[in-house]
Amino acid sequence: MNTSPITKWDGATAYFTFADNPTVMLGLLALSAVIVVGSIIFGAFHEKECYVKVENGKH
């Protein structure tokens, strides 16, 4: 089943938004790093809180 409207790939190009702007790329990298680190920290606090509740019999 070939549903692609493209029949030839000769001369195909790609357009990457912000690829030529290092400041935006650095900002996106920093944002993703903050999200990942924040998720890990939030998960650690949540796990610690749940562990304390189970230890104290308050589940």
C-alpha atoms as a PDB file:
ATOM      1  CA  MET A   1       0.000   0.000   0.000  1.00  0.00           C
ATOM      2  CA  ASN A   2       1.812   3.105  -1.233  1.00  0.00           C
ATOM      3  CA  THR A   3      -0.145   6.213  -0.252  1.00  0.00           C
ATOM      4  CA  SER A   4       2.709   8.727  -0.509  1.00  0.00           C
ATOM      5  CA  PRO A   5       2.087  11.539  -3.019  1.00  0.00           C
ATOM      6  CA  ILE A   6       5.855  11.809  -3.578  1.00  0.00           C
ATOM      7  CA  THR A   7       7.063   9.723  -6.498  1.00  0.00           C
ATOM      8  CA  LYS A   8      10.677  10.940  -6.756  1.00  0.00           C
ATOM      9  CA  TRP A   9      13.105  12.004  -4.032  1.00  0.00           C
ATOM     10  CA  ASP A  10      15.523  13.835  -6.358  1.00  0.00           C
ATOM     11  CA  GLY A  11      16.233  17.315  -5.056  1.00  0.00           C
ATOM     12  CA  ALA A  12      14.414  16.743  -1.774  1.00  0.00           C
ATOM     13  CA  THR A  13      15.445  19.146   0.966  1.00  0.00           C
ATOM     14  CA  ALA A  14      14.664  19.523   4.632  1.00  0.00           C
ATOM     15  CA  TYR A  15      13.859  22.626   6.616  1.00  0.00           C
ATOM     16  CA  PHE A  16      14.794  22.604  10.283  1.00  0.00           C
ATOM     17  CA  THR A  17      13.306  25.403  12.351  1.00  0.00           C
ATOM     18  CA  PHE A  18      15.909  27.172  14.535  1.00  0.00           C
ATOM     19  CA  ALA A  19      18.724  24.915  13.279  1.00  0.00           C
ATOM     20  CA  ASP A  20      20.847  27.933  12.385  1.00  0.00           C
ATOM     21  CA  ASN A  21      20.265  29.729  15.690  1.00  0.00           C
ATOM     22  CA  PRO A  22      22.495  28.346  18.464  1.00  0.00           C
ATOM     23  CA  THR A  23      20.812  30.480  21.125  1.00  0.00           C
ATOM     24  CA  VAL A  24      17.422  28.893  20.543  1.00  0.00           C
ATOM     25  CA  MET A  25      18.959  25.421  20.350  1.00  0.00           C
ATOM     26  CA  LEU A  26      20.744  26.018  23.664  1.00  0.00           C
ATOM     27  CA  GLY A  27      17.514  27.285  25.198  1.00  0.00           C
ATOM     28  CA  LEU A  28      15.625  24.183  24.079  1.00  0.00           C
ATOM     29  CA  LEU A  29      18.396  21.973  25.437  1.00  0.00           C
ATOM     30  CA  ALA A  30      18.345  23.819  28.774  1.00  0.00           C
ATOM     31  CA  LEU A  31      14.552  23.576  28.961  1.00  0.00           C
ATOM     32  CA  SER A  32      14.606  19.843  28.313  1.00  0.00           C
ATOM     33  CA  ALA A  33      17.369  19.374  30.913  1.00  0.00           C
ATOM     34  CA  VAL A  34      15.340  21.290  33.509  1.00  0.00           C
ATOM     35  CA  ILE A  35      12.280  19.158  32.772  1.00  0.00           C
ATOM     36  CA  VAL A  36      14.236  15.906  33.091  1.00  0.00           C
ATOM     37  CA  VAL A  37      16.039  16.907  36.302  1.00  0.00           C
ATOM     38  CA  GLY A  38      12.811  18.306  37.761  1.00  0.00           C
ATOM     39  CA  SER A  39      10.995  15.053  37.003  1.00  0.00           C
ATOM     40  CA  ILE A  40      13.707  13.034  38.720  1.00  0.00           C
ATOM     41  CA  ILE A  41      13.662  15.267  41.802  1.00  0.00           C
ATOM     42  CA  PHE A  42       9.857  15.246  41.971  1.00  0.00           C
ATOM     43  CA  GLY A  43       9.843  11.458  41.645  1.00  0.00           C
ATOM     44  CA  ALA A  44      12.427  11.082  44.400  1.00  0.00           C
ATOM     45  CA  PHE A  45      10.412  13.257  46.802  1.00  0.00           C
ATOM     46  CA  HIS A  46       7.226  11.375  45.960  1.00  0.00           C
ATOM     47  CA  GLU A  47       8.870   7.978  46.495  1.00  0.00           C
ATOM     48  CA  LYS A  48      10.331   9.110  49.817  1.00  0.00           C
ATOM     49  CA  GLU A  49       6.933  10.373  50.991  1.00  0.00           C
ATOM     50  CA  CYS A  50       5.227   7.114  50.006  1.00  0.00           C
ATOM     51  CA  TYR A  51       7.930   5.053  51.718  1.00  0.00           C
ATOM     52  CA  VAL A  52       7.468   7.017  54.958  1.00  0.00           C
ATOM     53  CA  LYS A  53       3.686   6.515  54.816  1.00  0.00           C
ATOM     54  CA  VAL A  54       4.069   2.750  54.334  1.00  0.00           C
ATOM     55  CA  GLU A  55       6.609   2.538  57.159  1.00  0.00           C
ATOM     56  CA  ASN A  56       4.208   4.362  59.492  1.00  0.00           C
ATOM     57  CA  GLY A  57       1.227   2.238  58.410  1.00  0.00           C
ATOM     58  CA  LYS A  58      -0.657   5.122  56.802  1.00  0.00           C
ATOM     59  CA  HIS A  59      -1.198   3.740  53.342  1.00  0.00           C
END
